Amino acid sequence: MSLDRRILIADDDLEVRLGTAELLGPLGLKIVLAESGSEAVQIIRGGGLDLALLDYRMPSPNGLEIIEMMNAELMGIPAILCSADAAGEVGTLARQAGAFAVLTKPVLPARLKSEVVRALELPPTMGLSGLA
């Protein structure tokens, strides 16, 4: 099954990018990977994305700065920020900047799937298959 939904996974950690892509792959999404903030911005500005999944700490700009840029440019793309600091100031700032969701690293697979399904407005049952 393939959905006509394209998401960006931006994280400077290769294992996190690939692991997240593997986790979300069964949802049938088209996945684009970026290893830096600048690469993520280039992909976002290229258009055609339905969701941006962003690491907070990655080479400039960071995930929060990307969310701020997306909102300033009125892109209308939901963004999920992942950070070990999500429970603190980073999470608060991300929500104020318009993040769809803020997840604490290490992210629980079920929670990540659930938020992706919610952000893309997919049927809730889609996130139930293959939970690790």
N, C-alpha and C. Protein backbone atom coordinates (compact mmCIF):
# COMPACT_ATOMS: atom_id res chain seq x y z
N MET A 1 0.84 -1.18 0.00
CA MET A 1 0.00 0.00 0.00
C MET A 1 0.89 1.24 0.00
N SER A 2 0.57 2.18 -0.86
CA SER A 2 1.33 3.42 -0.92
C SER A 2 0.36 4.59 -0.84
N LEU A 3 0.64 5.51 0.06
CA LEU A 3 -0.17 6.71 0.21
C LEU A 3 0.48 7.84 -0.56
N ASP A 4 -0.33 8.79 -0.94
CA ASP A 4 0.19 9.96 -1.63
C ASP A 4 0.57 11.01 -0.59
N ARG A 5 1.40 10.62 0.36
CA ARG A 5 1.85 11.51 1.43
C ARG A 5 3.36 11.45 1.49
N ARG A 6 3.98 12.61 1.53
CA ARG A 6 5.45 12.69 1.52
C ARG A 6 5.91 13.35 2.80
N ILE A 7 6.79 12.65 3.54
CA ILE A 7 7.28 13.23 4.79
C ILE A 7 8.80 13.33 4.77
N LEU A 8 9.29 14.31 5.51
CA LEU A 8 10.72 14.54 5.68
C LEU A 8 11.12 14.05 7.06
N ILE A 9 12.21 13.29 7.11
CA ILE A 9 12.82 12.91 8.38
C ILE A 9 14.20 13.57 8.40
N ALA A 10 14.37 14.56 9.26
CA ALA A 10 15.63 15.30 9.33
C ALA A 10 16.29 15.06 10.69
N ASP A 11 17.44 14.43 10.66
CA ASP A 11 18.19 14.13 11.88
C ASP A 11 19.64 13.91 11.47
N ASP A 12 20.58 14.43 12.25
CA ASP A 12 21.99 14.27 11.89
C ASP A 12 22.54 12.89 12.23
N ASP A 13 21.75 12.08 12.91
CA ASP A 13 22.16 10.72 13.26
C ASP A 13 21.59 9.74 12.22
N LEU A 14 22.48 9.11 11.45
CA LEU A 14 22.07 8.20 10.39
C LEU A 14 21.19 7.07 10.91
N GLU A 15 21.56 6.49 12.05
CA GLU A 15 20.77 5.39 12.60
C GLU A 15 19.35 5.82 12.95
N VAL A 16 19.22 7.03 13.48
CA VAL A 16 17.88 7.55 13.81
C VAL A 16 17.07 7.76 12.53
N ARG A 17 17.69 8.35 11.51
CA ARG A 17 16.98 8.57 10.24
C ARG A 17 16.49 7.25 9.65
N LEU A 18 17.40 6.29 9.56
CA LEU A 18 17.04 5.01 8.94
C LEU A 18 16.04 4.23 9.81
N GLY A 19 16.23 4.26 11.11
CA GLY A 19 15.31 3.57 12.01
C GLY A 19 13.91 4.15 11.96
N THR A 20 13.83 5.48 11.90
CA THR A 20 12.53 6.14 11.81
C THR A 20 11.86 5.83 10.48
N ALA A 21 12.65 5.84 9.41
CA ALA A 21 12.11 5.51 8.08
C ALA A 21 11.60 4.07 8.07
N GLU A 22 12.33 3.16 8.71
CA GLU A 22 11.90 1.76 8.77
C GLU A 22 10.61 1.62 9.58
N LEU A 23 10.52 2.36 10.66
CA LEU A 23 9.33 2.31 11.51
C LEU A 23 8.10 2.83 10.76
N LEU A 24 8.27 3.92 10.02
CA LEU A 24 7.13 4.55 9.35
C LEU A 24 6.85 3.96 7.97
N GLY A 25 7.80 3.21 7.42
CA GLY A 25 7.64 2.63 6.09
C GLY A 25 6.36 1.84 5.90
N PRO A 26 5.96 1.01 6.87
CA PRO A 26 4.73 0.22 6.70
C PRO A 26 3.46 1.07 6.55
N LEU A 27 3.53 2.35 6.87
CA LEU A 27 2.37 3.22 6.69
C LEU A 27 2.16 3.56 5.22
N GLY A 28 3.14 3.25 4.37
CA GLY A 28 3.01 3.50 2.94
C GLY A 28 3.34 4.93 2.54
N LEU A 29 4.10 5.62 3.35
CA LEU A 29 4.46 7.01 3.08
C LEU A 29 5.68 7.10 2.18
N LYS A 30 5.78 8.18 1.44
CA LYS A 30 6.99 8.48 0.68
C LYS A 30 7.89 9.26 1.62
N ILE A 31 9.08 8.71 1.90
CA ILE A 31 9.96 9.29 2.90
C ILE A 31 11.20 9.89 2.25
N VAL A 32 11.50 11.13 2.68
CA VAL A 32 12.67 11.85 2.22
C VAL A 32 13.55 12.08 3.46
N LEU A 33 14.86 11.86 3.32
CA LEU A 33 15.78 12.00 4.46
C LEU A 33 16.69 13.20 4.29
N ALA A 34 17.00 13.86 5.43
CA ALA A 34 17.96 14.96 5.44
C ALA A 34 18.85 14.80 6.66
N GLU A 35 20.15 15.07 6.48
CA GLU A 35 21.08 14.90 7.60
C GLU A 35 21.50 16.21 8.26
N SER A 36 21.00 17.34 7.76
CA SER A 36 21.32 18.63 8.37
C SER A 36 20.14 19.57 8.23
N GLY A 37 20.18 20.63 9.00
CA GLY A 37 19.12 21.63 8.91
C GLY A 37 19.08 22.29 7.55
N SER A 38 20.24 22.59 6.99
CA SER A 38 20.26 23.27 5.69
C SER A 38 19.68 22.36 4.60
N GLU A 39 19.98 21.08 4.66
CA GLU A 39 19.42 20.14 3.69
C GLU A 39 17.91 20.04 3.87
N ALA A 40 17.46 20.03 5.12
CA ALA A 40 16.02 19.97 5.41
C ALA A 40 15.31 21.19 4.84
N VAL A 41 15.88 22.37 5.05
CA VAL A 41 15.28 23.61 4.54
C VAL A 41 15.16 23.56 3.02
N GLN A 42 16.21 23.08 2.37
CA GLN A 42 16.19 22.99 0.90
C GLN A 42 15.05 22.07 0.45
N ILE A 43 14.87 20.95 1.11
CA ILE A 43 13.80 20.01 0.76
C ILE A 43 12.43 20.63 1.03
N ILE A 44 12.29 21.27 2.17
CA ILE A 44 11.02 21.90 2.54
C ILE A 44 10.65 22.98 1.52
N ARG A 45 11.60 23.82 1.19
CA ARG A 45 11.33 24.90 0.23
C ARG A 45 11.09 24.37 -1.18
N GLY A 46 11.52 23.14 -1.45
CA GLY A 46 11.26 22.51 -2.75
C GLY A 46 9.80 22.13 -2.93
N GLY A 47 9.06 22.08 -1.83
CA GLY A 47 7.62 21.82 -1.88
C GLY A 47 7.28 20.34 -1.92
N GLY A 48 5.98 20.09 -1.86
CA GLY A 48 5.47 18.73 -1.98
C GLY A 48 5.49 17.90 -0.71
N LEU A 49 5.80 18.52 0.44
CA LEU A 49 5.83 17.77 1.70
C LEU A 49 4.49 17.87 2.42
N ASP A 50 4.15 16.80 3.12
CA ASP A 50 2.94 16.79 3.93
C ASP A 50 3.24 16.83 5.42
N LEU A 51 4.51 16.56 5.79
CA LEU A 51 4.89 16.54 7.20
C LEU A 51 6.41 16.63 7.29
N ALA A 52 6.89 17.38 8.29
CA ALA A 52 8.32 17.44 8.57
C ALA A 52 8.55 16.91 9.98
N LEU A 53 9.39 15.89 10.09
CA LEU A 53 9.78 15.30 11.36
C LEU A 53 11.21 15.76 11.61
N LEU A 54 11.41 16.63 12.60
CA LEU A 54 12.68 17.33 12.77
C LEU A 54 13.34 17.06 14.11
N ASP A 55 14.64 16.79 14.06
CA ASP A 55 15.46 16.71 15.26
C ASP A 55 15.73 18.14 15.72
N TYR A 56 15.78 18.35 17.02
CA TYR A 56 16.12 19.68 17.51
C TYR A 56 17.60 19.99 17.29
N ARG A 57 18.46 19.08 17.74
CA ARG A 57 19.91 19.32 17.67
C ARG A 57 20.49 18.70 16.41
N MET A 58 20.69 19.53 15.41
CA MET A 58 21.39 19.11 14.19
C MET A 58 22.08 20.33 13.62
N PRO A 59 23.05 20.11 12.71
CA PRO A 59 23.76 21.26 12.13
C PRO A 59 22.78 22.30 11.59
N SER A 60 23.15 23.53 11.77
CA SER A 60 22.33 24.71 11.52
C SER A 60 21.57 24.69 10.20
N PRO A 61 20.34 25.16 10.26
CA PRO A 61 19.56 25.56 11.43
C PRO A 61 19.02 24.34 12.19
N ASN A 62 18.72 24.55 13.47
CA ASN A 62 18.19 23.43 14.25
C ASN A 62 16.69 23.27 13.96
N GLY A 63 16.10 22.23 14.50
CA GLY A 63 14.70 21.93 14.23
C GLY A 63 13.75 23.05 14.62
N LEU A 64 14.01 23.70 15.74
CA LEU A 64 13.15 24.80 16.18
C LEU A 64 13.23 25.97 15.20
N GLU A 65 14.43 26.29 14.75
CA GLU A 65 14.59 27.38 13.78
C GLU A 65 13.89 27.05 12.46
N ILE A 66 13.89 25.79 12.09
CA ILE A 66 13.20 25.38 10.85
C ILE A 66 11.69 25.56 11.01
N ILE A 67 11.15 25.19 12.16
CA ILE A 67 9.71 25.38 12.41
C ILE A 67 9.36 26.86 12.35
N GLU A 68 10.19 27.69 12.95
CA GLU A 68 9.96 29.14 12.91
C GLU A 68 9.97 29.65 11.47
N MET A 69 10.92 29.17 10.67
CA MET A 69 11.01 29.57 9.26
C MET A 69 9.76 29.11 8.50
N MET A 70 9.33 27.87 8.72
CA MET A 70 8.16 27.34 8.03
C MET A 70 6.92 28.18 8.33
N ASN A 71 6.76 28.57 9.57
CA ASN A 71 5.60 29.38 9.95
C ASN A 71 5.71 30.80 9.43
N ALA A 72 6.92 31.37 9.45
CA ALA A 72 7.11 32.72 8.93
C ALA A 72 6.80 32.78 7.44
N GLU A 73 7.10 31.70 6.75
CA GLU A 73 6.85 31.64 5.31
C GLU A 73 5.47 31.04 4.98
N LEU A 74 4.64 30.84 6.01
CA LEU A 74 3.27 30.36 5.86
C LEU A 74 3.16 29.12 4.97
N MET A 75 3.98 28.13 5.27
CA MET A 75 4.02 26.92 4.46
C MET A 75 2.88 25.96 4.73
N GLY A 76 2.33 26.01 5.92
CA GLY A 76 1.20 25.14 6.23
C GLY A 76 1.54 23.67 6.34
N ILE A 77 2.80 23.35 6.58
CA ILE A 77 3.23 21.96 6.72
C ILE A 77 3.35 21.66 8.22
N PRO A 78 2.64 20.65 8.72
CA PRO A 78 2.82 20.32 10.13
C PRO A 78 4.24 19.82 10.39
N ALA A 79 4.74 20.15 11.57
CA ALA A 79 6.09 19.73 11.95
C ALA A 79 6.05 19.10 13.33
N ILE A 80 6.77 17.99 13.46
CA ILE A 80 6.93 17.31 14.74
C ILE A 80 8.40 17.46 15.12
N LEU A 81 8.65 18.02 16.29
CA LEU A 81 10.02 18.21 16.78
C LEU A 81 10.35 17.11 17.77
N CYS A 82 11.52 16.50 17.61
CA CYS A 82 12.01 15.48 18.54
C CYS A 82 13.24 16.00 19.25
N SER A 83 13.23 15.92 20.58
CA SER A 83 14.34 16.44 21.35
C SER A 83 14.41 15.79 22.71
N ALA A 84 15.62 15.57 23.19
CA ALA A 84 15.80 15.08 24.55
C ALA A 84 15.37 16.16 25.55
N ASP A 85 15.32 17.40 25.09
CA ASP A 85 14.96 18.54 25.93
C ASP A 85 13.49 18.93 25.77
N ALA A 86 12.66 18.05 25.22
CA ALA A 86 11.28 18.39 24.89
C ALA A 86 10.44 18.79 26.10
N ALA A 87 10.77 18.25 27.26
CA ALA A 87 9.97 18.55 28.44
C ALA A 87 10.28 19.94 29.01
N GLY A 88 11.35 20.56 28.56
CA GLY A 88 11.74 21.86 29.10
C GLY A 88 11.45 23.01 28.16
N GLU A 89 12.35 23.97 28.18
CA GLU A 89 12.17 25.21 27.41
C GLU A 89 12.06 24.96 25.91
N VAL A 90 12.81 24.00 25.39
CA VAL A 90 12.77 23.70 23.96
C VAL A 90 11.35 23.30 23.55
N GLY A 91 10.72 22.45 24.33
CA GLY A 91 9.36 22.03 24.03
C GLY A 91 8.39 23.19 24.05
N THR A 92 8.52 24.04 25.04
CA THR A 92 7.65 25.22 25.14
C THR A 92 7.84 26.13 23.95
N LEU A 93 9.09 26.40 23.59
CA LEU A 93 9.38 27.27 22.45
C LEU A 93 8.86 26.65 21.14
N ALA A 94 9.00 25.34 21.01
CA ALA A 94 8.53 24.67 19.80
C ALA A 94 7.01 24.77 19.67
N ARG A 95 6.31 24.59 20.76
CA ARG A 95 4.85 24.71 20.73
C ARG A 95 4.44 26.14 20.39
N GLN A 96 5.14 27.11 20.98
CA GLN A 96 4.85 28.52 20.68
C GLN A 96 5.13 28.85 19.22
N ALA A 97 6.13 28.18 18.64
CA ALA A 97 6.49 28.42 17.24
C ALA A 97 5.53 27.73 16.27
N GLY A 98 4.66 26.85 16.81
CA GLY A 98 3.67 26.21 15.96
C GLY A 98 3.90 24.74 15.66
N ALA A 99 4.77 24.09 16.43
CA ALA A 99 4.98 22.65 16.21
C ALA A 99 3.67 21.90 16.41
N PHE A 100 3.41 20.94 15.53
CA PHE A 100 2.22 20.11 15.66
C PHE A 100 2.32 19.26 16.93
N ALA A 101 3.52 18.74 17.18
CA ALA A 101 3.78 17.93 18.37
C ALA A 101 5.25 18.03 18.71
N VAL A 102 5.56 17.78 19.97
CA VAL A 102 6.94 17.75 20.46
C VAL A 102 7.11 16.43 21.19
N LEU A 103 8.07 15.63 20.73
CA LEU A 103 8.29 14.30 21.30
C LEU A 103 9.65 14.24 21.98
N THR A 104 9.69 13.58 23.13
CA THR A 104 10.93 13.45 23.88
C THR A 104 11.73 12.25 23.38
N LYS A 105 13.02 12.49 23.11
CA LYS A 105 13.92 11.40 22.72
C LYS A 105 14.42 10.69 23.97
N PRO A 106 14.60 9.41 23.93
CA PRO A 106 14.28 8.53 22.81
C PRO A 106 12.77 8.43 22.64
N VAL A 107 12.31 8.55 21.41
CA VAL A 107 10.89 8.56 21.09
C VAL A 107 10.35 7.14 21.10
N LEU A 108 9.23 6.96 21.76
CA LEU A 108 8.57 5.66 21.77
C LEU A 108 7.96 5.42 20.39
N PRO A 109 8.23 4.27 19.77
CA PRO A 109 7.72 4.00 18.43
C PRO A 109 6.21 4.18 18.29
N ALA A 110 5.45 3.70 19.26
CA ALA A 110 3.99 3.82 19.20
C ALA A 110 3.56 5.29 19.22
N ARG A 111 4.22 6.09 20.02
CA ARG A 111 3.88 7.52 20.11
C ARG A 111 4.22 8.22 18.81
N LEU A 112 5.37 7.90 18.23
CA LEU A 112 5.77 8.52 16.97
C LEU A 112 4.76 8.19 15.88
N LYS A 113 4.44 6.91 15.74
CA LYS A 113 3.46 6.51 14.73
C LYS A 113 2.12 7.21 14.94
N SER A 114 1.69 7.25 16.17
CA SER A 114 0.42 7.89 16.49
C SER A 114 0.40 9.36 16.09
N GLU A 115 1.46 10.08 16.38
CA GLU A 115 1.52 11.51 16.04
C GLU A 115 1.63 11.73 14.53
N VAL A 116 2.35 10.87 13.84
CA VAL A 116 2.45 10.97 12.38
C VAL A 116 1.07 10.73 11.75
N VAL A 117 0.38 9.70 12.21
CA VAL A 117 -0.96 9.39 11.71
C VAL A 117 -1.90 10.57 11.97
N ARG A 118 -1.81 11.14 13.15
CA ARG A 118 -2.67 12.28 13.52
C ARG A 118 -2.34 13.51 12.67
N ALA A 119 -1.05 13.80 12.49
CA ALA A 119 -0.63 14.98 11.71
C ALA A 119 -1.06 14.87 10.26
N LEU A 120 -1.03 13.67 9.72
CA LEU A 120 -1.40 13.46 8.32
C LEU A 120 -2.90 13.21 8.13
N GLU A 121 -3.62 13.21 9.26
CA GLU A 121 -5.07 12.99 9.25
C GLU A 121 -5.43 11.67 8.57
N LEU A 122 -4.67 10.64 8.91
CA LEU A 122 -4.92 9.29 8.41
C LEU A 122 -5.87 8.58 9.36
N PRO A 123 -6.51 7.50 8.93
CA PRO A 123 -7.37 6.74 9.85
C PRO A 123 -6.54 6.27 11.06
N PRO A 124 -7.03 6.47 12.27
CA PRO A 124 -6.27 6.10 13.47
C PRO A 124 -5.79 4.66 13.50
N THR A 125 -6.50 3.77 12.86
CA THR A 125 -6.11 2.35 12.87
C THR A 125 -4.83 2.10 12.08
N MET A 126 -4.41 3.04 11.21
CA MET A 126 -3.20 2.84 10.42
C MET A 126 -1.96 2.74 11.29
N GLY A 127 -1.94 3.44 12.40
CA GLY A 127 -0.77 3.43 13.27
C GLY A 127 -0.67 2.21 14.15
N LEU A 128 -1.66 1.32 14.09
CA LEU A 128 -1.68 0.17 14.99
C LEU A 128 -0.89 -1.02 14.48
N SER A 129 -0.65 -1.10 13.19
CA SER A 129 0.04 -2.28 12.66
C SER A 129 1.54 -2.16 12.85
N GLY A 130 2.15 -3.23 13.24
CA GLY A 130 3.60 -3.31 13.33
C GLY A 130 4.24 -2.43 14.39
N LEU A 131 3.53 -2.16 15.49
CA LEU A 131 4.13 -1.35 16.54
C LEU A 131 5.21 -2.14 17.25
N ALA A 132 6.34 -1.47 17.45
CA ALA A 132 7.45 -2.13 18.16
C ALA A 132 7.54 -1.62 19.56
